[in-house]
C-alpha atoms as a PDB file:
ATOM      1  CA  MET A   1      30.163 -34.045 -47.569  1.00  0.00           C
ATOM      2  CA  ALA A   2      26.500 -33.410 -48.400  1.00  0.00           C
ATOM      3  CA  PHE A   3      24.921 -30.232 -47.109  1.00  0.00           C
ATOM      4  CA  ASN A   4      22.762 -30.994 -44.040  1.00  0.00           C
ATOM      5  CA  ASN A   5      20.138 -28.314 -43.724  1.00  0.00           C
ATOM      6  CA  ILE A   6      18.749 -29.839 -40.525  1.00  0.00           C
ATOM      7  CA  ASP A   7      22.019 -28.999 -38.778  1.00  0.00           C
ATOM      8  CA  VAL A   8      21.788 -25.464 -40.128  1.00  0.00           C
ATOM      9  CA  ILE A   9      18.248 -25.188 -38.853  1.00  0.00           C
ATOM     10  CA  ASN A  10      19.127 -26.435 -35.401  1.00  0.00           C
ATOM     11  CA  SER A  11      22.151 -24.130 -35.086  1.00  0.00           C
ATOM     12  CA  THR A  12      20.195 -21.126 -36.316  1.00  0.00           C
ATOM     13  CA  PHE A  13      17.361 -21.688 -33.871  1.00  0.00           C
ATOM     14  CA  GLN A  14      19.818 -22.095 -30.954  1.00  0.00           C
ATOM     15  CA  LYS A  15      21.833 -19.073 -32.010  1.00  0.00           C
ATOM     16  CA  VAL A  16      18.814 -16.781 -32.211  1.00  0.00           C
ATOM     17  CA  VAL A  17      17.202 -17.948 -28.974  1.00  0.00           C
ATOM     18  CA  ARG A  18      20.326 -18.250 -26.852  1.00  0.00           C
ATOM     19  CA  SER A  19      21.810 -14.948 -28.025  1.00  0.00           C
ATOM     20  CA  GLY A  20      18.837 -12.963 -26.730  1.00  0.00           C
ATOM     21  CA  LYS A  21      17.553 -11.912 -30.120  1.00  0.00           C
ATOM     22  CA  PHE A  22      14.310 -13.757 -29.584  1.00  0.00           C
ATOM     23  CA  ILE A  23      13.568 -12.108 -26.229  1.00  0.00           C
ATOM     24  CA  ASP A  24      14.596  -8.790 -27.784  1.00  0.00           C
ATOM     25  CA  ASN A  25      11.865  -9.078 -30.341  1.00  0.00           C
ATOM     26  CA  VAL A  26       9.279 -10.474 -27.996  1.00  0.00           C
ATOM     27  CA  SER A  27       9.800  -7.897 -25.261  1.00  0.00           C
ATOM     28  CA  LYS A  28       9.734  -4.824 -27.540  1.00  0.00           C
ATOM     29  CA  ARG A  29       6.144  -5.657 -28.467  1.00  0.00           C
ATOM     30  CA  THR A  30       4.843  -5.680 -24.861  1.00  0.00           C
ATOM     31  CA  PRO A  31       5.698  -2.809 -22.484  1.00  0.00           C
ATOM     32  CA  PHE A  32       5.316  -4.950 -19.358  1.00  0.00           C
ATOM     33  CA  LEU A  33       7.769  -7.679 -20.475  1.00  0.00           C
ATOM     34  CA  ALA A  34      10.187  -4.994 -21.739  1.00  0.00           C
ATOM     35  CA  TRP A  35      10.032  -3.247 -18.326  1.00  0.00           C
ATOM     36  CA  LEU A  36      10.542  -6.506 -16.438  1.00  0.00           C
ATOM     37  CA  ARG A  37      13.619  -7.195 -18.486  1.00  0.00           C
ATOM     38  CA  LYS A  38      15.040  -3.720 -18.372  1.00  0.00           C
ATOM     39  CA  SER A  39      14.443  -3.483 -14.582  1.00  0.00           C
ATOM     40  CA  GLY A  40      16.245  -6.774 -13.761  1.00  0.00           C
ATOM     41  CA  CYS A  41      13.111  -8.660 -12.803  1.00  0.00           C
ATOM     42  CA  PHE A  42      14.031 -11.863 -14.611  1.00  0.00           C
ATOM     43  CA  ALA A  43      15.131 -14.263 -11.907  1.00  0.00           C
ATOM     44  CA  TYR A  44      16.493 -17.829 -11.676  1.00  0.00           C
ATOM     45  CA  TRP A  45      14.416 -20.860 -10.719  1.00  0.00           C
ATOM     46  CA  ASP A  46      15.911 -24.363 -10.689  1.00  0.00           C
ATOM     47  CA  GLY A  47      12.759 -25.991 -12.076  1.00  0.00           C
ATOM     48  CA  SER A  48      12.149 -28.318  -9.181  1.00  0.00           C
ATOM     49  CA  GLY A  49       8.796 -28.963  -7.548  1.00  0.00           C
ATOM     50  CA  LYS A  50       5.248 -28.116  -8.487  1.00  0.00           C
ATOM     51  CA  TYR A  51       5.454 -24.632  -6.946  1.00  0.00           C
ATOM     52  CA  ILE A  52       7.757 -21.620  -6.932  1.00  0.00           C
ATOM     53  CA  HIS A  53       7.928 -20.432  -3.318  1.00  0.00           C
ATOM     54  CA  GLU A  54       8.368 -16.678  -2.912  1.00  0.00           C
ATOM     55  CA  PRO A  55       9.122 -15.206   0.453  1.00  0.00           C
ATOM     56  CA  VAL A  56       6.622 -12.324   0.806  1.00  0.00           C
ATOM     57  CA  LEU A  57       7.327  -9.471   3.263  1.00  0.00           C
ATOM     58  CA  LYS A  58       4.346  -9.097   5.575  1.00  0.00           C
ATOM     59  CA  THR A  59       4.854  -5.762   7.343  1.00  0.00           C
ATOM     60  CA  LEU A  60       7.369  -2.997   7.836  1.00  0.00           C
ATOM     61  CA  ARG A  61       8.532  -3.306  11.462  1.00  0.00           C
ATOM     62  CA  THR A  62      10.421  -0.825  13.573  1.00  0.00           C
ATOM     63  CA  GLY A  63      13.026  -1.509  16.223  1.00  0.00           C
ATOM     64  CA  LYS A  64      14.761  -4.379  14.525  1.00  0.00           C
ATOM     65  CA  SER A  65      17.878  -2.296  14.091  1.00  0.00           C
ATOM     66  CA  GLN A  66      18.883  -1.632  17.693  1.00  0.00           C
ATOM     67  CA  SER A  67      20.251   1.456  19.352  1.00  0.00           C
ATOM     68  CA  MET A  68      22.841   0.301  21.884  1.00  0.00           C
ATOM     69  CA  ASP A  69      25.316   1.270  24.601  1.00  0.00           C
ATOM     70  CA  PRO A  70      28.605  -0.647  24.714  1.00  0.00           C
ATOM     71  CA  PHE A  71      27.402  -3.276  27.219  1.00  0.00           C
ATOM     72  CA  ASP A  72      23.848  -3.698  25.959  1.00  0.00           C
ATOM     73  CA  VAL A  73      22.797  -7.202  24.965  1.00  0.00           C
ATOM     74  CA  LEU A  74      22.094  -7.547  21.269  1.00  0.00           C
ATOM     75  CA  SER A  75      18.769  -9.248  20.543  1.00  0.00           C
ATOM     76  CA  ILE A  76      19.291 -11.964  17.989  1.00  0.00           C
ATOM     77  CA  VAL A  77      15.729 -13.168  17.898  1.00  0.00           C
ATOM     78  CA  PRO A  78      14.977 -13.782  14.202  1.00  0.00           C
ATOM     79  CA  ASP A  79      12.400 -11.634  12.539  1.00  0.00           C
ATOM     80  CA  GLU A  80       9.645 -13.986  11.430  1.00  0.00           C
ATOM     81  CA  ASN A  81       8.169 -11.402   9.027  1.00  0.00           C
ATOM     82  CA  THR A  82       7.896 -13.287   5.790  1.00  0.00           C
ATOM     83  CA  GLU A  83       5.550 -15.945   4.461  1.00  0.00           C
ATOM     84  CA  ASN A  84       6.535 -18.425   1.751  1.00  0.00           C
ATOM     85  CA  VAL A  85       3.726 -18.151  -0.858  1.00  0.00           C
ATOM     86  CA  PRO A  86       3.510 -20.957  -3.438  1.00  0.00           C
ATOM     87  CA  PHE A  87       3.048 -19.778  -6.989  1.00  0.00           C
ATOM     88  CA  ASN A  88       2.071 -22.464  -9.498  1.00  0.00           C
ATOM     89  CA  ARG A  89       4.633 -23.106 -12.187  1.00  0.00           C
ATOM     90  CA  LYS A  90       3.247 -22.480 -15.650  1.00  0.00           C
ATOM     91  CA  VAL A  91       4.373 -23.718 -19.065  1.00  0.00           C
ATOM     92  CA  VAL A  92       3.849 -21.864 -22.333  1.00  0.00           C
ATOM     93  CA  ARG A  93       4.977 -23.542 -25.541  1.00  0.00           C
ATOM     94  CA  HIS A  94       4.963 -22.528 -29.187  1.00  0.00           C
ATOM     95  CA  PRO A  95       5.607 -25.004 -31.990  1.00  0.00           C
ATOM     96  CA  ILE A  96       7.625 -24.101 -35.039  1.00  0.00           C
ATOM     97  CA  VAL A  97       6.719 -26.504 -37.842  1.00  0.00           C
ATOM     98  CA  LEU A  98       8.657 -27.135 -41.072  1.00  0.00           C
ATOM     99  CA  SER A  99       7.369 -29.602 -43.621  1.00  0.00           C
ATOM    100  CA  HIS A 100       9.772 -31.976 -45.411  1.00  0.00           C
ATOM    101  CA  GLU A 101       8.802 -30.117 -48.621  1.00  0.00           C
ATOM    102  CA  GLN A 102       9.825 -26.754 -47.170  1.00  0.00           C
ATOM    103  CA  ILE A 103      13.172 -28.187 -46.092  1.00  0.00           C
ATOM    104  CA  GLU A 104      13.817 -29.851 -49.429  1.00  0.00           C
ATOM    105  CA  GLN A 105      12.876 -26.687 -51.327  1.00  0.00           C
ATOM    106  CA  ASN A 106      15.536 -24.672 -49.390  1.00  0.00           C
ATOM    107  CA  MET A 107      18.594 -26.755 -49.839  1.00  0.00           C
ATOM    108  CA  ASN A 108      21.161 -24.020 -49.759  1.00  0.00           C
ATOM    109  CA  GLN A 109      22.325 -22.276 -46.530  1.00  0.00           C
ATOM    110  CA  GLU A 110      21.052 -18.835 -47.378  1.00  0.00           C
ATOM    111  CA  LYS A 111      17.544 -19.990 -48.233  1.00  0.00           C
ATOM    112  CA  ILE A 112      17.184 -22.244 -45.242  1.00  0.00           C
ATOM    113  CA  ILE A 113      18.356 -19.529 -42.843  1.00  0.00           C
ATOM    114  CA  ASP A 114      15.849 -17.125 -44.411  1.00  0.00           C
ATOM    115  CA  LEU A 115      13.096 -19.660 -43.861  1.00  0.00           C
ATOM    116  CA  VAL A 116      14.092 -20.198 -40.209  1.00  0.00           C
ATOM    117  CA  GLU A 117      14.251 -16.481 -39.524  1.00  0.00           C
ATOM    118  CA  GLN A 118      10.762 -16.046 -41.074  1.00  0.00           C
ATOM    119  CA  LYS A 119       9.396 -18.758 -38.746  1.00  0.00           C
ATOM    120  CA  ILE A 120      11.119 -17.152 -35.703  1.00  0.00           C
ATOM    121  CA  SER A 121       9.625 -13.761 -36.684  1.00  0.00           C
ATOM    122  CA  GLU A 122       6.170 -15.270 -36.697  1.00  0.00           C
ATOM    123  CA  ALA A 123       6.842 -17.002 -33.351  1.00  0.00           C
ATOM    124  CA  HIS A 124       7.944 -13.824 -31.547  1.00  0.00           C
ATOM    125  CA  ILE A 125       4.789 -12.017 -32.620  1.00  0.00           C
ATOM    126  CA  TYR A 126       2.504 -14.828 -31.394  1.00  0.00           C
ATOM    127  CA  PHE A 127       4.475 -15.351 -28.191  1.00  0.00           C
ATOM    128  CA  ALA A 128       4.506 -11.619 -27.407  1.00  0.00           C
ATOM    129  CA  ASN A 129       0.716 -11.244 -27.832  1.00  0.00           C
ATOM    130  CA  ASP A 130      -0.186 -14.442 -25.905  1.00  0.00           C
ATOM    131  CA  LEU A 131       2.189 -13.624 -22.967  1.00  0.00           C
ATOM    132  CA  ASP A 132       0.901 -10.019 -22.845  1.00  0.00           C
ATOM    133  CA  ILE A 133      -2.675 -11.309 -22.534  1.00  0.00           C
ATOM    134  CA  MET A 134      -1.665 -13.572 -19.693  1.00  0.00           C
ATOM    135  CA  PHE A 135       0.401 -11.027 -17.796  1.00  0.00           C
ATOM    136  CA  PHE A 136      -2.534  -8.622 -17.483  1.00  0.00           C
ATOM    137  CA  ALA A 137      -5.113 -11.284 -16.712  1.00  0.00           C
ATOM    138  CA  ASP A 138      -5.922 -13.366 -13.619  1.00  0.00           C
ATOM    139  CA  GLY A 139      -4.521 -16.754 -14.621  1.00  0.00           C
ATOM    140  CA  THR A 140      -7.899 -18.401 -15.219  1.00  0.00           C
ATOM    141  CA  GLY A 141      -7.457 -18.614 -18.977  1.00  0.00           C
ATOM    142  CA  SER A 142      -6.989 -21.968 -20.685  1.00  0.00           C
ATOM    143  CA  SER A 143      -8.715 -23.742 -17.787  1.00  0.00           C
ATOM    144  CA  GLY A 144      -6.238 -22.207 -15.282  1.00  0.00           C
ATOM    145  CA  LYS A 145      -3.107 -23.163 -17.226  1.00  0.00           C
ATOM    146  CA  ASP A 146      -2.188 -19.529 -18.053  1.00  0.00           C
ATOM    147  CA  PHE A 147       0.517 -17.628 -16.164  1.00  0.00           C
ATOM    148  CA  LEU A 148      -0.785 -15.847 -13.151  1.00  0.00           C
ATOM    149  CA  GLY A 149      -0.940 -12.185 -14.139  1.00  0.00           C
ATOM    150  CA  LEU A 150      -1.403  -8.753 -12.610  1.00  0.00           C
ATOM    151  CA  GLY A 151      -5.124  -9.258 -12.618  1.00  0.00           C
ATOM    152  CA  ALA A 152      -4.591 -11.869  -9.900  1.00  0.00           C
ATOM    153  CA  LEU A 153      -1.778 -10.120  -8.018  1.00  0.00           C
ATOM    154  CA  ILE A 154      -3.703  -6.812  -7.897  1.00  0.00           C
ATOM    155  CA  PRO A 155      -7.450  -7.478  -8.134  1.00  0.00           C
ATOM    156  CA  ASP A 156     -10.016  -4.665  -7.970  1.00  0.00           C
ATOM    157  CA  THR A 157     -11.295  -5.936  -4.632  1.00  0.00           C
ATOM    158  CA  GLN A 158      -8.514  -6.627  -2.161  1.00  0.00           C
ATOM    159  CA  THR A 159     -10.533  -8.237   0.621  1.00  0.00           C
ATOM    160  CA  SER A 160     -11.848 -11.330  -1.210  1.00  0.00           C
ATOM    161  CA  GLY A 161     -10.341 -14.374  -2.876  1.00  0.00           C
ATOM    162  CA  THR A 162      -7.148 -16.257  -2.246  1.00  0.00           C
ATOM    163  CA  LEU A 163      -3.575 -16.355  -3.473  1.00  0.00           C
ATOM    164  CA  GLY A 164      -1.355 -19.358  -2.915  1.00  0.00           C
ATOM    165  CA  GLY A 165      -3.906 -20.758  -0.510  1.00  0.00           C
ATOM    166  CA  PHE A 166      -3.918 -17.568   1.655  1.00  0.00           C
ATOM    167  CA  ALA A 167      -7.192 -15.598   2.034  1.00  0.00           C
ATOM    168  CA  ARG A 168      -6.728 -11.945   1.291  1.00  0.00           C
ATOM    169  CA  SER A 169      -9.430 -10.959   3.798  1.00  0.00           C
ATOM    170  CA  THR A 170      -7.395 -12.264   6.763  1.00  0.00           C
ATOM    171  CA  ASN A 171      -3.885 -11.619   5.367  1.00  0.00           C
ATOM    172  CA  ALA A 172      -3.543  -7.896   4.773  1.00  0.00           C
ATOM    173  CA  TRP A 173      -0.007  -8.354   3.547  1.00  0.00           C
ATOM    174  CA  LEU A 174      -1.480  -9.831   0.318  1.00  0.00           C
ATOM    175  CA  GLN A 175      -3.457  -6.630  -0.349  1.00  0.00           C
ATOM    176  CA  SER A 176      -2.157  -4.080  -2.824  1.00  0.00           C
ATOM    177  CA  PRO A 177      -3.597  -0.559  -3.026  1.00  0.00           C
ATOM    178  CA  SER A 178      -6.390  -0.496  -5.503  1.00  0.00           C
ATOM    179  CA  ALA A 179      -8.779   2.446  -6.190  1.00  0.00           C
ATOM    180  CA  SER A 180     -11.313   3.691  -8.688  1.00  0.00           C
ATOM    181  CA  GLY A 181     -10.226   6.260 -11.226  1.00  0.00           C
ATOM    182  CA  ALA A 182     -13.741   6.967 -12.412  1.00  0.00           C
ATOM    183  CA  LYS A 183     -14.612  10.521 -13.520  1.00  0.00           C
ATOM    184  CA  THR A 184     -16.702  12.939 -11.486  1.00  0.00           C
ATOM    185  CA  THR A 185     -18.323  14.908 -14.318  1.00  0.00           C
ATOM    186  CA  GLN A 186     -15.941  15.207 -17.274  1.00  0.00           C
ATOM    187  CA  ALA A 187     -13.854  12.452 -18.791  1.00  0.00           C
ATOM    188  CA  PHE A 188     -10.705  11.718 -16.787  1.00  0.00           C
ATOM    189  CA  ASP A 189     -11.144  14.689 -14.505  1.00  0.00           C
ATOM    190  CA  ASN A 190     -10.070  12.479 -11.567  1.00  0.00           C
ATOM    191  CA  LEU A 191      -7.185  10.723 -13.195  1.00  0.00           C
ATOM    192  CA  ARG A 192      -4.251  12.940 -12.364  1.00  0.00           C
ATOM    193  CA  LYS A 193      -5.329  13.265  -8.693  1.00  0.00           C
ATOM    194  CA  LYS A 194      -5.864   9.472  -8.357  1.00  0.00           C
ATOM    195  CA  MET A 195      -2.455   8.825  -9.943  1.00  0.00           C
ATOM    196  CA  SER A 196      -0.840  11.199  -7.487  1.00  0.00           C
ATOM    197  CA  THR A 197      -2.466   9.506  -4.531  1.00  0.00           C
ATOM    198  CA  MET A 198      -1.459   6.073  -5.797  1.00  0.00           C
ATOM    199  CA  LYS A 199       2.133   7.168  -6.346  1.00  0.00           C
ATOM    200  CA  ASN A 200       2.453   8.589  -2.882  1.00  0.00           C
ATOM    201  CA  THR A 201       0.798   5.540  -1.292  1.00  0.00           C
ATOM    202  CA  LEU A 202       3.284   3.233  -2.983  1.00  0.00           C
ATOM    203  CA  THR A 203       6.377   5.349  -2.307  1.00  0.00           C
ATOM    204  CA  TYR A 204       8.791   4.647   0.564  1.00  0.00           C
ATOM    205  CA  GLY A 205      11.610   7.195   0.814  1.00  0.00           C
ATOM    206  CA  THR A 206      12.809   7.583  -2.791  1.00  0.00           C
ATOM    207  CA  GLN A 207      11.461   4.207  -3.866  1.00  0.00           C
ATOM    208  CA  GLY A 208       8.186   4.281  -5.714  1.00  0.00           C
ATOM    209  CA  PRO A 209       6.587   3.161  -9.019  1.00  0.00           C
ATOM    210  CA  THR A 210       8.853   3.271 -12.018  1.00  0.00           C
ATOM    211  CA  ILE A 211       6.193   2.742 -14.691  1.00  0.00           C
ATOM    212  CA  TYR A 212       2.480   3.252 -15.198  1.00  0.00           C
ATOM    213  CA  ILE A 213       0.897   0.824 -17.706  1.00  0.00           C
ATOM    214  CA  THR A 214      -2.660   1.393 -18.913  1.00  0.00           C
ATOM    215  CA  ASP A 215      -5.007   0.804 -21.873  1.00  0.00           C
ATOM    216  CA  GLN A 216      -4.996   2.990 -24.939  1.00  0.00           C
ATOM    217  CA  THR A 217      -8.182   4.905 -24.048  1.00  0.00           C
ATOM    218  CA  THR A 218      -6.977   5.846 -20.591  1.00  0.00           C
ATOM    219  CA  TYR A 219      -3.550   6.656 -22.008  1.00  0.00           C
ATOM    220  CA  GLU A 220      -5.149   9.052 -24.474  1.00  0.00           C
ATOM    221  CA  GLY A 221      -7.202  10.600 -21.657  1.00  0.00           C
ATOM    222  CA  TYR A 222      -3.966  11.322 -19.754  1.00  0.00           C
ATOM    223  CA  GLU A 223      -2.458  12.568 -22.977  1.00  0.00           C
ATOM    224  CA  ASP A 224      -5.307  15.075 -23.367  1.00  0.00           C
ATOM    225  CA  LEU A 225      -4.733  16.291 -19.815  1.00  0.00           C
ATOM    226  CA  SER A 226      -1.030  16.783 -20.643  1.00  0.00           C
ATOM    227  CA  TYR A 227      -1.621  19.029 -23.657  1.00  0.00           C
ATOM    228  CA  GLY A 228      -2.744  21.915 -21.449  1.00  0.00           C
ATOM    229  CA  LYS A 229       0.378  21.643 -19.327  1.00  0.00           C
ATOM    230  CA  TRP A 230       2.866  21.616 -22.180  1.00  0.00           C
ATOM    231  CA  MET A 231       5.104  24.621 -22.592  1.00  0.00           C
ATOM    232  CA  PRO A 232       7.049  24.793 -25.929  1.00  0.00           C
ATOM    233  CA  THR A 233      10.712  25.542 -25.319  1.00  0.00           C
ATOM    234  CA  SER A 234      12.350  24.654 -28.639  1.00  0.00           C
ATOM    235  CA  LYS A 235      11.758  23.839 -32.250  1.00  0.00           C
ATOM    236  CA  GLU A 236      10.077  20.691 -31.001  1.00  0.00           C
ATOM    237  CA  ALA A 237       7.129  22.912 -30.289  1.00  0.00           C
ATOM    238  CA  TYR A 238       6.063  22.108 -33.824  1.00  0.00           C
ATOM    239  CA  ASP A 239       5.661  18.472 -32.924  1.00  0.00           C
ATOM    240  CA  LEU A 240       2.304  18.109 -31.163  1.00  0.00           C
ATOM    241  CA  GLY A 241       2.911  14.433 -30.688  1.00  0.00           C
ATOM    242  CA  PHE A 242       5.409  15.121 -27.882  1.00  0.00           C
ATOM    243  CA  SER A 243       8.643  13.346 -28.753  1.00  0.00           C
ATOM    244  CA  GLY A 244       9.760  11.045 -25.967  1.00  0.00           C
ATOM    245  CA  GLY A 245       6.309   9.891 -24.784  1.00  0.00           C
ATOM    246  CA  LEU A 246       4.332  10.640 -21.605  1.00  0.00           C
ATOM    247  CA  THR A 247       5.581  10.640 -18.004  1.00  0.00           C
ATOM    248  CA  PHE A 248       4.101  11.066 -14.528  1.00  0.00           C
ATOM    249  CA  ALA A 249       6.429  12.304 -11.760  1.00  0.00           C
ATOM    250  CA  GLY A 250       9.307  11.545 -14.156  1.00  0.00           C
ATOM    251  CA  LYS A 251       8.291   7.918 -14.781  1.00  0.00           C
ATOM    252  CA  PRO A 252       6.958   6.611 -18.118  1.00  0.00           C
ATOM    253  CA  VAL A 253       3.265   6.277 -18.780  1.00  0.00           C
ATOM    254  CA  VAL A 254       2.631   3.681 -21.476  1.00  0.00           C
ATOM    255  CA  PHE A 255      -0.223   1.599 -22.840  1.00  0.00           C
ATOM    256  CA  GLY A 256      -0.529  -2.049 -23.716  1.00  0.00           C
ATOM    257  CA  ASP A 257      -2.762  -3.673 -26.207  1.00  0.00           C
ATOM    258  CA  ASN A 258      -4.087  -6.259 -23.743  1.00  0.00           C
ATOM    259  CA  VAL A 259      -4.659  -4.161 -20.600  1.00  0.00           C
ATOM    260  CA  THR A 260      -8.244  -4.398 -19.428  1.00  0.00           C
ATOM    261  CA  ALA A 261     -10.183  -1.227 -20.261  1.00  0.00           C
ATOM    262  CA  GLY A 262     -10.005   1.318 -17.398  1.00  0.00           C
ATOM    263  CA  ASN A 263      -7.058  -0.270 -15.634  1.00  0.00           C
ATOM    264  CA  MET A 264      -3.793   1.473 -14.830  1.00  0.00           C
ATOM    265  CA  PHE A 265      -0.993  -0.420 -13.050  1.00  0.00           C
ATOM    266  CA  ALA A 266       1.682   1.350 -10.950  1.00  0.00           C
ATOM    267  CA  LEU A 267       4.613  -1.058 -10.644  1.00  0.00           C
ATOM    268  CA  ASN A 268       7.840  -1.279  -8.656  1.00  0.00           C
ATOM    269  CA  PRO A 269      10.568  -3.652  -9.831  1.00  0.00           C
ATOM    270  CA  GLU A 270      11.612  -4.392  -6.211  1.00  0.00           C
ATOM    271  CA  SER A 271       8.371  -6.339  -5.818  1.00  0.00           C
ATOM    272  CA  LEU A 272       7.935  -8.309  -9.004  1.00  0.00           C
ATOM    273  CA  LYS A 273       9.917 -11.254 -10.336  1.00  0.00           C
ATOM    274  CA  LEU A 274       9.534 -13.359 -13.464  1.00  0.00           C
ATOM    275  CA  ARG A 275      11.144 -16.574 -12.189  1.00  0.00           C
ATOM    276  CA  VAL A 276      12.170 -18.766 -15.068  1.00  0.00           C
ATOM    277  CA  LYS A 277      13.370 -22.394 -15.169  1.00  0.00           C
ATOM    278  CA  GLY A 278      17.064 -22.824 -15.867  1.00  0.00           C
ATOM    279  CA  MET A 279      17.993 -19.170 -16.419  1.00  0.00           C
ATOM    280  CA  LYS A 280      21.450 -18.553 -15.069  1.00  0.00           C
ATOM    281  CA  ALA A 281      22.728 -15.558 -13.121  1.00  0.00           C
ATOM    282  CA  GLY A 282      23.133 -12.615 -15.421  1.00  0.00           C
ATOM    283  CA  ASP A 283      21.242 -14.293 -18.220  1.00  0.00           C
ATOM    284  CA  LYS A 284      18.452 -12.210 -19.772  1.00  0.00           C
ATOM    285  CA  ASN A 285      16.947 -14.893 -21.989  1.00  0.00           C
ATOM    286  CA  PRO A 286      14.062 -16.752 -20.419  1.00  0.00           C
ATOM    287  CA  PHE A 287      13.240 -18.973 -23.416  1.00  0.00           C
ATOM    288  CA  GLU A 288      14.421 -22.477 -24.317  1.00  0.00           C
ATOM    289  CA  ILE A 289      14.186 -24.264 -27.633  1.00  0.00           C
ATOM    290  CA  SER A 290      13.959 -28.024 -27.977  1.00  0.00           C
ATOM    291  CA  GLN A 291      14.934 -29.676 -31.203  1.00  0.00           C
ATOM    292  CA  LYS A 292      13.679 -31.475 -33.167  1.00  0.00           C
ATOM    293  CA  PHE A 293      10.608 -33.676 -32.773  1.00  0.00           C
ATOM    294  CA  ASP A 294       8.626 -35.982 -35.060  1.00  0.00           C
ATOM    295  CA  MET A 295       5.451 -35.116 -33.250  1.00  0.00           C
ATOM    296  CA  ALA A 296       3.281 -36.176 -36.173  1.00  0.00           C
ATOM    297  CA  PRO A 297       4.741 -39.514 -37.311  1.00  0.00           C
ATOM    298  CA  ARG A 298       2.180 -39.955 -40.076  1.00  0.00           C
ATOM    299  CA  GLN A 299       2.924 -36.516 -41.494  1.00  0.00           C
ATOM    300  CA  PHE A 300       6.102 -35.339 -43.114  1.00  0.00           C
ATOM    301  CA  VAL A 301       6.924 -32.537 -40.769  1.00  0.00           C
ATOM    302  CA  ASN A 302       9.609 -31.611 -38.216  1.00  0.00           C
ATOM    303  CA  VAL A 303       8.686 -29.616 -35.116  1.00  0.00           C
ATOM    304  CA  TRP A 304      10.821 -27.396 -32.892  1.00  0.00           C
ATOM    305  CA  VAL A 305       9.331 -26.164 -29.575  1.00  0.00           C
ATOM    306  CA  LEU A 306       9.947 -22.817 -27.904  1.00  0.00           C
ATOM    307  CA  SER A 307       9.184 -22.915 -24.154  1.00  0.00           C
ATOM    308  CA  LEU A 308       8.804 -20.529 -21.252  1.00  0.00           C
ATOM    309  CA  VAL A 309       8.470 -22.274 -17.852  1.00  0.00           C
ATOM    310  CA  GLY A 310       8.076 -20.360 -14.581  1.00  0.00           C
ATOM    311  CA  ALA A 311       5.820 -17.884 -12.806  1.00  0.00           C
ATOM    312  CA  LEU A 312       5.298 -14.199 -12.218  1.00  0.00           C
ATOM    313  CA  THR A 313       5.682 -13.633  -8.463  1.00  0.00           C
ATOM    314  CA  CYS A 314       5.537 -10.792  -5.959  1.00  0.00           C
ATOM    315  CA  ASN A 315       7.519 -10.442  -2.782  1.00  0.00           C
ATOM    316  CA  TYR A 316       5.962  -7.242  -1.360  1.00  0.00           C
ATOM    317  CA  PHE A 317       2.428  -6.438  -2.374  1.00  0.00           C
ATOM    318  CA  ARG A 318       2.353  -3.081  -0.643  1.00  0.00           C
ATOM    319  CA  GLN A 319       4.628  -1.565  -3.388  1.00  0.00           C
ATOM    320  CA  ILE A 320       2.427  -2.314  -6.387  1.00  0.00           C
ATOM    321  CA  GLY A 321      -1.036  -0.894  -7.056  1.00  0.00           C
ATOM    322  CA  LYS A 322      -3.797  -0.262  -9.560  1.00  0.00           C
ATOM    323  CA  LEU A 323      -6.391   2.258 -10.604  1.00  0.00           C
ATOM    324  CA  HIS A 324      -9.510   0.592 -12.072  1.00  0.00           C
ATOM    325  CA  SER A 325     -12.656   1.974 -13.785  1.00  0.00           C
ATOM    326  CA  CYS A 326     -10.704   4.938 -15.144  1.00  0.00           C
ATOM    327  CA  SER A 327     -13.006   6.988 -17.363  1.00  0.00           C
END
């Protein structure tokens, strides 16, 4: 039987995407996506409807757990303390294109697999960068077709604008702590104090932020502050780059290439979800690949399409926060 390299291409694409290798390579290039994945924030969505409805906790109430004597009457009045907020579903697609000439020139299995893996490598670089831009922005890019990002969930000003049709000014439960980290006199002289206040504000019991994500300049400002606190205890004293990276209160401080200058996000995985169409329980791969399309019938090409369909949602805004204007 003749060798069918289209079958090999299809099976290679499916194997790489479904096995999780694609999300492995995408997420390691963006700290936010890597953190979402590691923290169990990828969540199932069945794909139905125009919106993804997330039940958002409005306030912390007391007295719902009742102290009782043996003959007291238990109150079973339901606690109407959540609001279903609609998040627009978003679709991001990336085409992988192979010309008929490329396919014909790679007619043995090893060569065609190498070609497919090269195309996949290019795709995960582009997907990682484009998603990273969206996840730190406000969703207005591409005429509002971008994923809603942290710029929309945690804006600088918490008392203006809307989310899911709810006005922030009259719905305090949509407001996340946000504060300026601007210097007083010297560069980043307020940063540590502001980070401490933000951490304490977002912490309930032992639950608080598990990561701080900022831009490179602010990261290096925090790094400079850390140098004066470092006490060498081993041969690693010779490594002034600090193996293991930076932390604050035991949690990682990292920087992303697409974080707006001066922003630092303090995030809690209990609050954020990346709800993805079709992802099953326990599955950590949010991508789908569709094969193959003759999308350009007057051109000799085949097209495979990688897709991510869903939304970044929040169920408790009080547990995520941001410093802005850090300098």
